[in-house]
N, C-alpha and C. Protein backbone atom coordinates (compact mmCIF):
# COMPACT_ATOMS: atom_id res chain seq x y z
N LYS A 1 0.84 -1.19 -0.01
CA LYS A 1 -0.01 -0.02 -0.01
C LYS A 1 0.84 1.26 0.00
N PHE A 2 1.96 1.25 0.76
CA PHE A 2 2.87 2.44 0.84
C PHE A 2 4.25 2.05 0.32
N GLY A 3 4.36 1.90 -0.97
CA GLY A 3 5.61 1.45 -1.60
C GLY A 3 6.59 2.56 -1.92
N GLN A 4 6.34 3.76 -1.43
CA GLN A 4 7.19 4.85 -1.84
C GLN A 4 7.40 5.85 -0.66
N ILE A 5 8.62 6.32 -0.56
CA ILE A 5 8.95 7.43 0.36
C ILE A 5 9.34 8.62 -0.52
N ALA A 6 8.74 9.80 -0.23
CA ALA A 6 8.99 10.97 -1.11
C ALA A 6 9.65 12.06 -0.25
N PHE A 7 10.55 12.81 -0.86
CA PHE A 7 11.19 13.96 -0.22
C PHE A 7 11.15 15.13 -1.21
N GLU A 8 10.71 16.33 -0.74
CA GLU A 8 10.69 17.51 -1.57
C GLU A 8 11.39 18.64 -0.78
N SER A 9 12.48 19.18 -1.36
CA SER A 9 13.20 20.19 -0.64
C SER A 9 12.41 21.50 -0.69
N THR A 10 12.53 22.28 0.40
CA THR A 10 11.87 23.56 0.50
C THR A 10 12.92 24.68 0.62
N SER A 11 14.14 24.35 1.09
CA SER A 11 15.21 25.35 1.14
C SER A 11 16.55 24.65 1.15
N VAL A 12 17.56 25.34 0.65
CA VAL A 12 18.92 24.84 0.65
C VAL A 12 19.83 25.99 1.13
N LYS A 13 20.64 25.74 2.15
CA LYS A 13 21.51 26.76 2.69
C LYS A 13 22.92 26.23 2.75
N LYS A 14 23.87 26.97 2.15
CA LYS A 14 25.25 26.58 2.21
C LYS A 14 25.78 26.85 3.59
N THR A 15 26.44 25.85 4.21
CA THR A 15 26.94 25.98 5.57
C THR A 15 28.46 25.87 5.63
N GLY A 16 29.11 25.55 4.54
CA GLY A 16 30.56 25.44 4.50
C GLY A 16 31.01 25.27 3.08
N ALA A 17 32.31 25.13 2.88
CA ALA A 17 32.85 25.04 1.53
C ALA A 17 32.20 23.95 0.70
N ASN A 18 32.04 22.77 1.32
CA ASN A 18 31.42 21.62 0.64
C ASN A 18 30.23 21.08 1.37
N GLU A 19 29.56 21.93 2.16
CA GLU A 19 28.47 21.46 2.98
C GLU A 19 27.23 22.36 2.82
N MET A 20 26.07 21.74 2.96
CA MET A 20 24.83 22.49 2.91
C MET A 20 23.80 21.78 3.76
N LYS A 21 22.79 22.58 4.15
CA LYS A 21 21.67 22.03 4.92
C LYS A 21 20.42 22.12 4.00
N ILE A 22 19.77 21.01 3.82
CA ILE A 22 18.56 20.98 2.99
C ILE A 22 17.37 20.74 3.92
N THR A 23 16.43 21.63 3.87
CA THR A 23 15.17 21.46 4.64
C THR A 23 14.11 21.08 3.61
N GLY A 24 13.25 20.11 4.02
CA GLY A 24 12.19 19.69 3.08
C GLY A 24 11.13 18.89 3.80
N LEU A 25 10.22 18.41 2.96
CA LEU A 25 9.08 17.62 3.46
C LEU A 25 9.30 16.16 3.03
N ILE A 26 9.25 15.27 3.99
CA ILE A 26 9.34 13.84 3.72
C ILE A 26 8.00 13.21 3.97
N THR A 27 7.57 12.35 3.07
CA THR A 27 6.29 11.66 3.19
C THR A 27 6.55 10.13 3.29
N ILE A 28 6.06 9.58 4.41
CA ILE A 28 6.19 8.14 4.65
C ILE A 28 4.81 7.63 5.12
N LYS A 29 4.33 6.62 4.49
CA LYS A 29 3.00 6.07 4.83
C LYS A 29 1.91 7.09 4.82
N GLY A 30 1.99 8.06 3.92
CA GLY A 30 0.95 9.08 3.78
C GLY A 30 1.05 10.22 4.79
N VAL A 31 2.08 10.20 5.65
CA VAL A 31 2.30 11.25 6.65
C VAL A 31 3.45 12.13 6.16
N GLN A 32 3.25 13.44 6.20
CA GLN A 32 4.25 14.38 5.73
C GLN A 32 4.77 15.23 6.90
N LYS A 33 6.11 15.29 7.03
CA LYS A 33 6.74 16.03 8.09
C LYS A 33 7.94 16.76 7.50
N SER A 34 8.33 17.85 8.19
CA SER A 34 9.53 18.60 7.81
C SER A 34 10.76 17.91 8.41
N ILE A 35 11.85 17.92 7.64
CA ILE A 35 13.10 17.28 8.10
C ILE A 35 14.26 18.12 7.56
N GLU A 36 15.43 18.12 8.34
CA GLU A 36 16.61 18.73 7.86
C GLU A 36 17.64 17.69 7.57
N LEU A 37 18.34 17.82 6.40
CA LEU A 37 19.37 16.90 6.02
C LEU A 37 20.66 17.70 5.84
N MET A 38 21.76 17.11 6.29
CA MET A 38 23.06 17.71 6.04
C MET A 38 23.70 17.01 4.88
N VAL A 39 24.28 17.78 3.97
CA VAL A 39 24.86 17.22 2.73
C VAL A 39 26.29 17.70 2.59
N THR A 40 27.20 16.73 2.39
CA THR A 40 28.60 17.05 2.13
C THR A 40 28.95 16.52 0.77
N SER A 41 29.60 17.33 -0.06
CA SER A 41 29.96 16.86 -1.41
C SER A 41 31.50 16.66 -1.45
N LYS A 42 31.89 15.57 -2.17
CA LYS A 42 33.31 15.23 -2.32
C LYS A 42 33.56 14.87 -3.77
N GLU A 43 34.68 15.39 -4.29
CA GLU A 43 35.10 15.06 -5.66
C GLU A 43 36.16 13.97 -5.59
N ASN A 44 36.04 12.99 -6.49
CA ASN A 44 36.99 11.89 -6.50
C ASN A 44 37.03 11.28 -7.89
N GLY A 45 38.12 11.48 -8.61
CA GLY A 45 38.30 10.86 -9.92
C GLY A 45 37.22 11.24 -10.95
N GLY A 46 36.80 12.49 -10.96
CA GLY A 46 35.79 12.91 -11.94
C GLY A 46 34.35 12.64 -11.51
N LYS A 47 34.17 12.00 -10.38
CA LYS A 47 32.83 11.77 -9.84
C LYS A 47 32.60 12.62 -8.64
N THR A 48 31.37 13.00 -8.40
CA THR A 48 30.97 13.73 -7.23
C THR A 48 30.14 12.83 -6.34
N SER A 49 30.55 12.75 -5.08
CA SER A 49 29.75 11.98 -4.08
C SER A 49 29.04 12.92 -3.17
N LEU A 50 27.80 12.68 -2.95
CA LEU A 50 26.98 13.45 -1.97
C LEU A 50 26.70 12.54 -0.79
N LEU A 51 27.16 12.95 0.37
CA LEU A 51 26.94 12.22 1.63
C LEU A 51 25.86 12.95 2.36
N ILE A 52 24.74 12.27 2.58
CA ILE A 52 23.54 12.91 3.15
C ILE A 52 23.23 12.23 4.49
N SER A 53 22.95 13.06 5.52
CA SER A 53 22.62 12.48 6.84
C SER A 53 21.50 13.26 7.46
N GLY A 54 20.73 12.57 8.33
CA GLY A 54 19.65 13.24 9.05
C GLY A 54 19.04 12.21 10.02
N THR A 55 18.09 12.65 10.77
CA THR A 55 17.39 11.80 11.76
C THR A 55 15.92 12.09 11.71
N LEU A 56 15.12 11.03 11.85
CA LEU A 56 13.65 11.20 11.98
C LEU A 56 13.13 10.22 13.03
N ASN A 57 11.96 10.53 13.49
CA ASN A 57 11.28 9.68 14.46
C ASN A 57 10.31 8.78 13.73
N ARG A 58 10.58 7.48 13.76
CA ARG A 58 9.73 6.51 13.00
C ARG A 58 8.29 6.50 13.47
N ARG A 59 8.08 6.83 14.75
CA ARG A 59 6.68 6.81 15.30
C ARG A 59 5.87 7.97 14.74
N ASP A 60 6.53 9.09 14.29
CA ASP A 60 5.79 10.17 13.68
C ASP A 60 5.08 9.73 12.42
N PHE A 61 5.58 8.62 11.83
CA PHE A 61 5.03 8.11 10.56
C PHE A 61 4.30 6.78 10.73
N GLY A 62 4.07 6.39 11.98
CA GLY A 62 3.36 5.17 12.26
C GLY A 62 4.06 3.90 11.86
N VAL A 63 5.39 3.94 11.99
CA VAL A 63 6.21 2.76 11.61
C VAL A 63 6.63 2.02 12.87
N GLY A 64 6.26 0.74 12.97
CA GLY A 64 6.72 -0.12 14.03
C GLY A 64 6.03 -0.07 15.36
N GLY A 65 5.21 0.92 15.67
CA GLY A 65 4.49 0.94 16.95
C GLY A 65 5.42 1.08 18.12
N TYR A 66 4.92 0.77 19.34
CA TYR A 66 5.71 0.84 20.53
C TYR A 66 6.60 -0.38 20.68
N SER A 67 7.85 -0.12 21.08
CA SER A 67 8.81 -1.23 21.25
C SER A 67 9.82 -0.86 22.34
N LEU A 68 10.14 -1.85 23.17
CA LEU A 68 11.22 -1.68 24.14
C LEU A 68 12.61 -1.85 23.53
N VAL A 69 12.70 -2.52 22.44
CA VAL A 69 13.97 -2.82 21.81
C VAL A 69 14.29 -2.04 20.56
N LEU A 70 13.25 -1.46 19.96
CA LEU A 70 13.43 -0.71 18.69
C LEU A 70 13.44 0.80 18.97
N SER A 71 14.51 1.44 18.59
CA SER A 71 14.63 2.89 18.84
C SER A 71 13.60 3.66 18.03
N ASP A 72 13.11 4.78 18.60
CA ASP A 72 12.21 5.66 17.89
C ASP A 72 12.96 6.47 16.80
N ASP A 73 14.19 6.82 17.10
CA ASP A 73 15.02 7.60 16.15
C ASP A 73 15.62 6.71 15.09
N VAL A 74 15.48 7.15 13.83
CA VAL A 74 16.08 6.49 12.69
C VAL A 74 17.11 7.42 12.10
N LYS A 75 18.32 6.93 11.99
CA LYS A 75 19.43 7.75 11.42
C LYS A 75 19.48 7.43 9.92
N LEU A 76 19.45 8.52 9.12
CA LEU A 76 19.52 8.39 7.68
C LEU A 76 20.96 8.69 7.25
N ASP A 77 21.54 7.77 6.49
CA ASP A 77 22.85 7.97 5.91
C ASP A 77 22.78 7.47 4.44
N LEU A 78 22.90 8.42 3.51
CA LEU A 78 22.81 8.09 2.07
C LEU A 78 24.08 8.57 1.38
N LYS A 79 24.45 7.80 0.37
CA LYS A 79 25.60 8.21 -0.48
C LYS A 79 25.08 8.14 -1.95
N ILE A 80 25.21 9.27 -2.63
CA ILE A 80 24.81 9.34 -3.99
C ILE A 80 25.98 9.76 -4.84
N GLU A 81 26.31 9.02 -5.91
CA GLU A 81 27.39 9.38 -6.79
C GLU A 81 26.84 9.85 -8.10
N VAL A 82 27.34 11.02 -8.58
CA VAL A 82 26.92 11.57 -9.84
C VAL A 82 28.12 11.87 -10.73
């Protein structure tokens, strides 16, 4: 039923020489929330790598319910090469 997670940026702010903060709306299971992602770009051999990190609360999106062993916070770490 919910086979897709969507993210739409609403602002991008440069925070350093190769760093930026992207604020946007993430939609998971039909629930939309604002999230901030930190992005670092690195050049290597003609390719650009984007290292993206952020954190969200899985319970905000109705994922997993209550658990004593499962953390509410989900750490996002993505690497995109272009």
